[in-house]
Amino acid sequence: MKRVVVITGGTKGIGKAIVRAFWLNGDYVLIGARSEAAVTREFNGRVRFCKTDVRREADLHNLVKTALAWKKRLNIFINCAGYSQWRPIEKVDQDFLNGMLDTNLKGTLLGCKAAVSVLKRGGAIINVSSLAGKRGSANNSVYCASKFAVNGITQALAKELGSRGIRVNAVCPVYVKTDGLIEALADKYSPAQGQDMDLFLNNFAQDNAALKRLPSGDEVGQACLFLASQQASAITGQCINVDCGVMVQ
């Protein structure tokens, strides 16, 4: 039986790559995002869209209800909606803090809450975190806080939901070249500091990655596909780096 997968933030970047991975696997995919763009037209009828703002709990509950109305079940829920932005601590104001925490942290927690209301034994939750959820970096305190929290949510819910047969894991990518990352790195407070983006990312990979390259969105998608599979049936509570060996553990 084809699985039913909900993916928030699935219209672009890493989220879109995750959608592609599950679609190619033959699954049904429901995307929850604020705007549809053209993503569903790139796939056949096994991919649908539901307008969703992850900062609104009611939207997330509507998202899972839409999945049930479509296919009568939900097997996998993936929290991918989020964004990064650098800012030194002196420049962190309430709007900056609340915007990132509401999306990255609360959006993930509330997505898990909505998913748990309908997931059955054998279900899985995957949270898209970041390597920034395991180590700090300059001008990145708020984003790091949000992603450290995502890893904490993942570990806590794995313990809480394990007896119900629901697994919870996270993937922690390093830089993945997407439009969103390029936009974020263009900020004056980012570690790129005005460098050419390709040069910055290549230098970062050469200096930090064991494989001397950075992961692609499709590789993050494949990691999610594995974590959602029966081959990963003994894996829960893990925050798995997808980083080409930037942070070996």
Protein backbone atom coordinates (compact mmCIF):
# COMPACT_ATOMS: atom_id res chain seq x y z
CA MET A 1 0.00 0.00 0.00
CA LYS A 2 1.31 3.44 -0.93
CA ARG A 3 2.08 5.59 2.10
CA VAL A 4 0.55 9.00 2.76
CA VAL A 5 3.17 11.62 3.60
CA VAL A 6 2.65 15.20 4.78
CA ILE A 7 5.56 17.58 4.24
CA THR A 8 5.50 21.17 5.47
CA GLY A 9 7.57 23.70 3.56
CA GLY A 10 7.60 21.39 0.56
CA THR A 11 7.33 23.90 -2.27
CA LYS A 12 11.00 24.83 -2.54
CA GLY A 13 14.53 24.06 -1.49
CA ILE A 14 15.14 21.06 0.73
CA GLY A 15 11.41 20.55 1.23
CA LYS A 16 10.82 20.19 -2.50
CA ALA A 17 13.68 17.69 -2.74
CA ILE A 18 12.05 15.63 0.04
CA VAL A 19 8.74 15.73 -1.83
CA ARG A 20 10.55 14.44 -4.93
CA ALA A 21 12.12 11.57 -3.02
CA PHE A 22 8.80 10.28 -1.69
CA TRP A 23 7.03 10.87 -5.01
CA LEU A 24 9.66 8.85 -6.86
CA ASN A 25 9.19 6.15 -4.23
CA GLY A 26 5.52 5.92 -5.23
CA ASP A 27 4.02 7.56 -2.14
CA TYR A 28 1.16 10.05 -1.91
CA VAL A 29 2.40 13.46 -0.74
CA LEU A 30 0.45 16.36 0.71
CA ILE A 31 2.44 19.60 0.85
CA GLY A 32 1.64 22.20 3.50
CA ALA A 33 2.98 25.67 2.74
CA ARG A 34 1.87 29.28 2.61
CA SER A 35 1.94 29.51 -1.20
CA GLU A 36 1.64 26.77 -3.77
CA ALA A 37 4.04 28.12 -6.41
CA ALA A 38 4.12 25.63 -9.30
CA VAL A 39 5.38 22.60 -7.44
CA THR A 40 2.33 20.34 -7.76
CA ARG A 41 2.36 20.75 -11.54
CA GLU A 42 5.80 19.15 -11.60
CA PHE A 43 4.36 15.88 -10.25
CA ASN A 44 1.31 13.80 -11.07
CA GLY A 45 -1.85 13.42 -9.01
CA ARG A 46 0.03 11.77 -6.12
CA VAL A 47 1.12 15.22 -4.90
CA ARG A 48 -1.37 17.76 -3.57
CA PHE A 49 -1.17 21.12 -1.82
CA CYS A 50 -2.89 22.51 1.28
CA LYS A 51 -2.39 26.15 2.21
CA THR A 52 -0.72 26.09 5.61
CA ASP A 53 1.00 28.57 7.89
CA VAL A 54 2.91 26.47 10.42
CA ARG A 55 2.74 29.31 12.93
CA ARG A 56 -1.01 28.63 13.19
CA GLU A 57 -1.96 25.46 15.07
CA ALA A 58 -5.36 25.38 13.38
CA ASP A 59 -3.68 25.27 9.96
CA LEU A 60 -1.61 22.26 10.96
CA HIS A 61 -4.64 20.36 12.25
CA ASN A 62 -6.43 21.22 9.01
CA LEU A 63 -3.42 19.85 7.11
CA VAL A 64 -3.67 16.41 8.70
CA LYS A 65 -7.45 16.42 8.31
CA THR A 66 -6.95 17.14 4.61
CA ALA A 67 -4.67 14.11 4.36
CA LEU A 68 -7.33 11.95 5.99
CA ALA A 69 -10.03 13.30 3.71
CA TRP A 70 -7.83 12.56 0.69
CA LYS A 71 -6.54 9.07 1.50
CA LYS A 72 -8.14 8.12 4.85
CA ARG A 73 -4.79 7.76 6.60
CA LEU A 74 -1.48 9.41 7.47
CA ASN A 75 1.73 7.41 7.69
CA ILE A 76 4.54 9.97 7.80
CA PHE A 77 4.72 13.62 8.85
CA ILE A 78 7.78 15.70 7.95
CA ASN A 79 8.38 19.13 9.48
CA CYS A 80 10.52 21.03 6.98
CA ALA A 81 9.11 24.56 7.08
CA GLY A 82 11.72 26.95 8.42
CA TYR A 83 14.30 29.54 7.52
CA SER A 84 17.73 30.81 8.56
CA GLN A 85 19.02 34.30 9.12
CA TRP A 86 22.11 35.65 10.83
CA ARG A 87 22.14 38.58 13.25
CA PRO A 88 24.54 39.58 16.06
CA ILE A 89 23.03 39.49 19.52
CA GLU A 90 22.94 43.31 19.77
CA LYS A 91 20.68 43.39 16.71
CA VAL A 92 18.21 40.74 17.88
CA ASP A 93 14.84 42.39 18.48
CA GLN A 94 11.47 40.88 19.35
CA ASP A 95 10.29 40.68 15.75
CA PHE A 96 13.43 38.80 14.68
CA LEU A 97 13.29 36.48 17.68
CA ASN A 98 9.58 35.73 17.49
CA GLY A 99 9.58 35.28 13.72
CA MET A 100 12.22 32.58 13.75
CA LEU A 101 11.06 30.80 16.89
CA ASP A 102 7.43 30.83 15.78
CA THR A 103 8.34 29.14 12.49
CA ASN A 104 11.31 26.91 13.27
CA LEU A 105 10.55 25.88 16.85
CA LYS A 106 6.81 26.29 17.45
CA GLY A 107 5.94 25.27 13.89
CA THR A 108 7.81 22.00 14.38
CA LEU A 109 6.35 21.30 17.82
CA LEU A 110 2.80 22.06 16.69
CA GLY A 111 3.33 20.02 13.54
CA CYS A 112 4.26 17.06 15.72
CA LYS A 113 1.19 17.66 17.87
CA ALA A 114 -1.10 17.68 14.84
CA ALA A 115 0.54 14.56 13.42
CA VAL A 116 0.23 12.62 16.66
CA SER A 117 -3.51 13.26 16.71
CA VAL A 118 -3.93 10.93 13.70
CA LEU A 119 -0.77 8.78 13.37
CA LYS A 120 -1.19 5.08 14.11
CA ARG A 121 1.31 2.44 15.20
CA GLY A 122 4.04 2.21 12.60
CA GLY A 123 3.86 5.92 11.84
CA ALA A 124 6.88 8.19 11.71
CA ILE A 125 7.73 11.84 12.25
CA ILE A 126 10.85 13.38 10.72
CA ASN A 127 12.01 16.86 11.66
CA VAL A 128 14.33 18.79 9.39
CA SER A 129 16.82 20.34 11.77
CA SER A 130 20.34 21.55 11.01
CA LEU A 131 23.95 21.10 11.97
CA ALA A 132 23.30 24.41 13.75
CA GLY A 133 21.18 22.35 16.14
CA LYS A 134 24.37 20.71 17.41
CA ARG A 135 26.95 23.48 17.47
CA GLY A 136 26.90 27.24 17.78
CA SER A 137 28.27 29.78 15.34
CA ALA A 138 28.77 33.54 15.33
CA ASN A 139 25.79 35.83 14.67
CA ASN A 140 23.56 32.75 14.74
CA SER A 141 22.24 32.51 18.30
CA VAL A 142 18.53 32.61 17.44
CA TYR A 143 18.70 30.11 14.58
CA CYS A 144 20.89 27.80 16.67
CA ALA A 145 18.43 28.09 19.56
CA SER A 146 15.55 27.14 17.28
CA LYS A 147 17.35 24.11 15.86
CA PHE A 148 18.77 22.91 19.19
CA ALA A 149 15.12 22.98 20.28
CA VAL A 150 14.06 20.91 17.27
CA ASN A 151 16.60 18.25 18.26
CA GLY A 152 15.29 18.34 21.83
CA ILE A 153 11.71 17.95 20.62
CA THR A 154 12.81 15.00 18.49
CA GLN A 155 14.49 13.20 21.38
CA ALA A 156 11.70 13.90 23.87
CA LEU A 157 8.92 12.76 21.55
CA ALA A 158 10.81 9.61 20.60
CA LYS A 159 10.65 8.63 24.27
CA GLU A 160 7.06 9.78 24.64
CA LEU A 161 5.66 8.11 21.53
CA GLY A 162 7.78 4.98 21.36
CA SER A 163 5.31 2.88 23.34
CA ARG A 164 2.67 3.84 20.76
CA GLY A 165 4.82 2.52 17.93
CA ILE A 166 5.57 5.96 16.48
CA ARG A 167 9.18 6.77 15.62
CA VAL A 168 10.58 10.32 15.70
CA ASN A 169 13.88 11.29 14.10
CA ALA A 170 15.58 14.37 12.68
CA VAL A 171 17.99 15.11 9.86
CA CYS A 172 20.66 17.75 10.39
CA PRO A 173 21.99 19.08 7.09
CA VAL A 174 24.88 21.48 6.75
CA TYR A 175 24.72 24.09 3.97
CA VAL A 176 22.58 22.87 1.07
CA LYS A 177 22.68 25.20 -1.91
CA THR A 178 19.12 26.44 -2.33
CA ASP A 179 17.60 29.80 -3.21
CA GLY A 180 16.76 30.27 0.47
CA LEU A 181 20.33 29.65 1.58
CA ILE A 182 21.75 31.97 -1.06
CA GLU A 183 19.36 34.71 0.05
CA ALA A 184 20.29 34.19 3.70
CA LEU A 185 24.04 34.16 3.00
CA ALA A 186 23.73 37.45 1.11
CA ASP A 187 22.99 39.19 4.42
CA LYS A 188 25.83 41.32 5.74
CA TYR A 189 25.89 39.41 9.03
CA SER A 190 26.26 35.97 7.44
CA PRO A 191 29.57 34.08 7.41
CA ALA A 192 29.87 34.69 3.66
CA GLN A 193 30.54 38.38 4.37
CA GLY A 194 29.93 39.47 0.80
CA GLN A 195 31.95 36.75 -0.89
CA ASP A 196 30.86 35.11 -4.13
CA MET A 197 28.45 32.38 -2.98
CA ASP A 198 29.93 29.55 -5.02
CA LEU A 199 33.42 30.47 -3.83
CA PHE A 200 32.30 30.67 -0.20
CA LEU A 201 30.52 27.30 -0.30
CA ASN A 202 33.38 25.62 -2.14
CA ASN A 203 35.94 26.96 0.34
CA PHE A 204 33.76 25.88 3.25
CA ALA A 205 33.52 22.37 1.83
CA GLN A 206 37.25 22.12 1.18
CA ASP A 207 38.11 23.36 4.67
CA ASN A 208 35.46 21.49 6.67
CA ALA A 209 33.91 18.50 4.88
CA ALA A 210 35.55 15.08 4.96
CA LEU A 211 34.18 14.42 1.46
CA LYS A 212 35.31 17.88 0.24
CA ARG A 213 31.80 18.69 -0.93
CA LEU A 214 28.41 19.64 0.49
CA PRO A 215 25.20 17.59 0.39
CA SER A 216 22.44 18.11 -2.12
CA GLY A 217 18.75 18.47 -1.35
CA ASP A 218 18.18 15.09 -2.98
CA GLU A 219 20.60 13.49 -0.52
CA VAL A 220 18.63 14.99 2.37
CA GLY A 221 15.49 13.59 0.75
CA GLN A 222 17.03 10.13 0.57
CA ALA A 223 17.94 10.30 4.25
CA CYS A 224 14.31 11.12 5.08
CA LEU A 225 13.12 8.31 2.84
CA PHE A 226 15.32 5.87 4.73
CA LEU A 227 14.23 7.08 8.16
CA ALA A 228 10.59 6.65 7.11
CA SER A 229 11.19 3.10 5.86
CA GLN A 230 10.93 -0.29 7.53
CA GLN A 231 14.69 -0.59 7.11
CA ALA A 232 14.93 2.05 9.85
CA SER A 233 12.36 0.38 12.12
CA ALA A 234 14.82 0.27 15.06
CA ILE A 235 15.89 3.90 14.71
CA THR A 236 14.18 6.59 16.78
CA GLY A 237 15.24 9.65 18.74
CA GLN A 238 18.21 10.23 16.44
CA CYS A 239 19.37 13.52 14.93
CA ILE A 240 21.37 12.36 11.94
CA ASN A 241 23.91 14.60 10.26
CA VAL A 242 23.66 14.92 6.49
CA ASP A 243 26.83 16.93 6.13
CA CYS A 244 29.47 15.07 4.09
CA GLY A 245 31.53 14.72 7.24
CA VAL A 246 31.64 18.32 8.44
CA MET A 247 30.82 17.24 11.99
CA VAL A 248 31.85 13.63 12.55
CA GLN A 249 30.30 11.93 15.57
